Amino acid sequence: MSKKGVGQLLKSRMIQADMLYRAERIADAAVSIAPVGGPSDPHPGHYKSSFVVTTTARGGRRKDRATATVTNTAYYARFVEYGTERVRAHHVLVRAAAAGGD
């Protein structure tokens, strides 16, 4: 097996397309289970509509492989994911990744 060949495979468009496909499935799962605020929420549905998928051929710790990332751009996304003293954690991305990344 060629190290150079494996490196080229890990950066290839084929692997990048597969990573994108998996990330889009995770994002779809996250949207389906994302909470929507109640009557006092000034922006109901903002969190649910703020999932973004990005992909790159230079990802990973050594920047040597294709990766895709699912993030939420709502400024309060970390509070929804991990919770606060007053709000329980929803773990939307954790649950979506566990369910949707096959």
C-alpha atoms as a PDB file:
ATOM      1  CA  MET A   1       0.000   0.000   0.000  1.00  0.00           C
ATOM      2  CA  SER A   2       1.306   3.416  -0.962  1.00  0.00           C
ATOM      3  CA  LYS A   3       1.241   6.155   1.700  1.00  0.00           C
ATOM      4  CA  LYS A   4       1.019   8.744  -1.031  1.00  0.00           C
ATOM      5  CA  GLY A   5      -1.910   6.912  -2.620  1.00  0.00           C
ATOM      6  CA  VAL A   6      -3.764   6.678   0.685  1.00  0.00           C
ATOM      7  CA  GLY A   7      -3.160  10.380   1.265  1.00  0.00           C
ATOM      8  CA  GLN A   8      -4.551  11.203  -2.167  1.00  0.00           C
ATOM      9  CA  LEU A   9      -7.586   9.002  -1.506  1.00  0.00           C
ATOM     10  CA  LEU A  10      -8.301  10.736   1.816  1.00  0.00           C
ATOM     11  CA  LYS A  11      -8.340  14.118   0.034  1.00  0.00           C
ATOM     12  CA  SER A  12     -10.200  12.910  -3.053  1.00  0.00           C
ATOM     13  CA  ARG A  13     -13.483  14.319  -4.320  1.00  0.00           C
ATOM     14  CA  MET A  14     -15.057  10.901  -3.779  1.00  0.00           C
ATOM     15  CA  ILE A  15     -14.316  10.961  -0.038  1.00  0.00           C
ATOM     16  CA  GLN A  16     -15.240  14.639   0.182  1.00  0.00           C
ATOM     17  CA  ALA A  17     -18.602  13.874  -1.472  1.00  0.00           C
ATOM     18  CA  ASP A  18     -19.217  11.043   1.000  1.00  0.00           C
ATOM     19  CA  MET A  19     -18.370  13.282   3.954  1.00  0.00           C
ATOM     20  CA  LEU A  20     -20.748  15.929   2.593  1.00  0.00           C
ATOM     21  CA  TYR A  21     -23.499  13.338   2.154  1.00  0.00           C
ATOM     22  CA  ARG A  22     -23.102  12.158   5.750  1.00  0.00           C
ATOM     23  CA  ALA A  23     -23.003  15.717   7.112  1.00  0.00           C
ATOM     24  CA  GLU A  24     -26.172  16.605   5.217  1.00  0.00           C
ATOM     25  CA  ARG A  25     -27.911  13.571   6.729  1.00  0.00           C
ATOM     26  CA  ILE A  26     -26.789  14.681  10.193  1.00  0.00           C
ATOM     27  CA  ALA A  27     -28.012  18.222   9.513  1.00  0.00           C
ATOM     28  CA  ASP A  28     -31.394  16.881   8.360  1.00  0.00           C
ATOM     29  CA  ALA A  29     -31.667  14.790  11.530  1.00  0.00           C
ATOM     30  CA  ALA A  30     -30.704  17.820  13.647  1.00  0.00           C
ATOM     31  CA  VAL A  31     -33.374  19.982  12.003  1.00  0.00           C
ATOM     32  CA  SER A  32     -35.994  17.306  12.608  1.00  0.00           C
ATOM     33  CA  ILE A  33     -35.294  17.135  16.369  1.00  0.00           C
ATOM     34  CA  ALA A  34     -34.337  20.788  16.979  1.00  0.00           C
ATOM     35  CA  PRO A  35     -36.490  22.497  19.603  1.00  0.00           C
ATOM     36  CA  VAL A  36     -38.575  25.519  18.689  1.00  0.00           C
ATOM     37  CA  GLY A  37     -39.094  28.178  21.328  1.00  0.00           C
ATOM     38  CA  GLY A  38     -42.370  28.744  23.073  1.00  0.00           C
ATOM     39  CA  PRO A  39     -44.651  31.772  23.059  1.00  0.00           C
ATOM     40  CA  SER A  40     -42.085  33.984  24.796  1.00  0.00           C
ATOM     41  CA  ASP A  41     -39.363  33.249  22.221  1.00  0.00           C
ATOM     42  CA  PRO A  42     -38.672  36.415  20.177  1.00  0.00           C
ATOM     43  CA  HIS A  43     -37.270  34.332  17.276  1.00  0.00           C
ATOM     44  CA  PRO A  44     -39.159  31.025  17.085  1.00  0.00           C
ATOM     45  CA  GLY A  45     -37.555  28.659  14.599  1.00  0.00           C
ATOM     46  CA  HIS A  46     -34.288  30.614  14.320  1.00  0.00           C
ATOM     47  CA  TYR A  47     -32.219  27.809  15.871  1.00  0.00           C
ATOM     48  CA  LYS A  48     -33.899  25.199  13.678  1.00  0.00           C
ATOM     49  CA  SER A  49     -33.131  27.166  10.498  1.00  0.00           C
ATOM     50  CA  SER A  50     -29.504  27.921  11.418  1.00  0.00           C
ATOM     51  CA  PHE A  51     -27.801  24.597  10.665  1.00  0.00           C
ATOM     52  CA  VAL A  52     -24.959  24.887   8.141  1.00  0.00           C
ATOM     53  CA  VAL A  53     -22.884  22.183   6.445  1.00  0.00           C
ATOM     54  CA  THR A  54     -19.337  22.933   5.269  1.00  0.00           C
ATOM     55  CA  THR A  55     -16.777  20.696   3.609  1.00  0.00           C
ATOM     56  CA  THR A  56     -13.074  20.860   2.861  1.00  0.00           C
ATOM     57  CA  ALA A  57     -10.359  18.654   1.407  1.00  0.00           C
ATOM     58  CA  ARG A  58      -7.896  19.962   4.001  1.00  0.00           C
ATOM     59  CA  GLY A  59      -9.470  18.898   7.273  1.00  0.00           C
ATOM     60  CA  GLY A  60      -8.478  16.790  10.203  1.00  0.00           C
ATOM     61  CA  ARG A  61      -5.779  17.443  12.758  1.00  0.00           C
ATOM     62  CA  ARG A  62      -3.027  17.397  10.133  1.00  0.00           C
ATOM     63  CA  LYS A  63      -5.117  19.049   7.396  1.00  0.00           C
ATOM     64  CA  ASP A  64      -4.590  15.949   5.273  1.00  0.00           C
ATOM     65  CA  ARG A  65      -8.080  14.612   4.622  1.00  0.00           C
ATOM     66  CA  ALA A  66     -11.552  15.505   3.425  1.00  0.00           C
ATOM     67  CA  THR A  67     -14.009  16.465   6.160  1.00  0.00           C
ATOM     68  CA  ALA A  68     -17.467  17.922   6.496  1.00  0.00           C
ATOM     69  CA  THR A  69     -18.815  19.810   9.491  1.00  0.00           C
ATOM     70  CA  VAL A  70     -22.310  20.546  10.744  1.00  0.00           C
ATOM     71  CA  THR A  71     -22.663  23.709  12.819  1.00  0.00           C
ATOM     72  CA  ASN A  72     -25.426  25.952  14.032  1.00  0.00           C
ATOM     73  CA  THR A  73     -24.939  29.678  13.564  1.00  0.00           C
ATOM     74  CA  ALA A  74     -27.487  30.842  16.149  1.00  0.00           C
ATOM     75  CA  TYR A  75     -25.601  32.755  18.835  1.00  0.00           C
ATOM     76  CA  TYR A  76     -27.270  30.667  21.549  1.00  0.00           C
ATOM     77  CA  ALA A  77     -26.678  27.262  19.902  1.00  0.00           C
ATOM     78  CA  ARG A  78     -24.197  26.143  22.578  1.00  0.00           C
ATOM     79  CA  PHE A  79     -26.813  26.778  25.278  1.00  0.00           C
ATOM     80  CA  VAL A  80     -29.339  24.620  23.410  1.00  0.00           C
ATOM     81  CA  GLU A  81     -26.758  21.876  22.946  1.00  0.00           C
ATOM     82  CA  TYR A  82     -25.190  21.857  26.426  1.00  0.00           C
ATOM     83  CA  GLY A  83     -27.813  23.592  28.576  1.00  0.00           C
ATOM     84  CA  THR A  84     -27.480  26.202  31.297  1.00  0.00           C
ATOM     85  CA  GLU A  85     -28.457  26.466  34.929  1.00  0.00           C
ATOM     86  CA  ARG A  86     -32.015  27.259  33.859  1.00  0.00           C
ATOM     87  CA  VAL A  87     -32.369  25.382  30.576  1.00  0.00           C
ATOM     88  CA  ARG A  88     -31.865  21.654  30.132  1.00  0.00           C
ATOM     89  CA  ALA A  89     -29.395  20.414  27.530  1.00  0.00           C
ATOM     90  CA  HIS A  90     -30.989  19.164  24.314  1.00  0.00           C
ATOM     91  CA  HIS A  91     -27.848  17.606  22.745  1.00  0.00           C
ATOM     92  CA  VAL A  92     -29.307  18.112  19.268  1.00  0.00           C
ATOM     93  CA  LEU A  93     -26.079  17.621  17.306  1.00  0.00           C
ATOM     94  CA  VAL A  94     -24.915  14.719  19.445  1.00  0.00           C
ATOM     95  CA  ARG A  95     -28.203  12.883  18.937  1.00  0.00           C
ATOM     96  CA  ALA A  96     -28.299  13.757  15.230  1.00  0.00           C
ATOM     97  CA  ALA A  97     -24.756  12.506  14.696  1.00  0.00           C
ATOM     98  CA  ALA A  98     -25.567   9.263  16.476  1.00  0.00           C
ATOM     99  CA  ALA A  99     -28.695   8.752  14.366  1.00  0.00           C
ATOM    100  CA  GLY A 100     -27.800  10.188  10.991  1.00  0.00           C
ATOM    101  CA  GLY A 101     -24.199   9.583  10.111  1.00  0.00           C
ATOM    102  CA  ASP A 102     -24.353   6.019   8.823  1.00  0.00           C
END
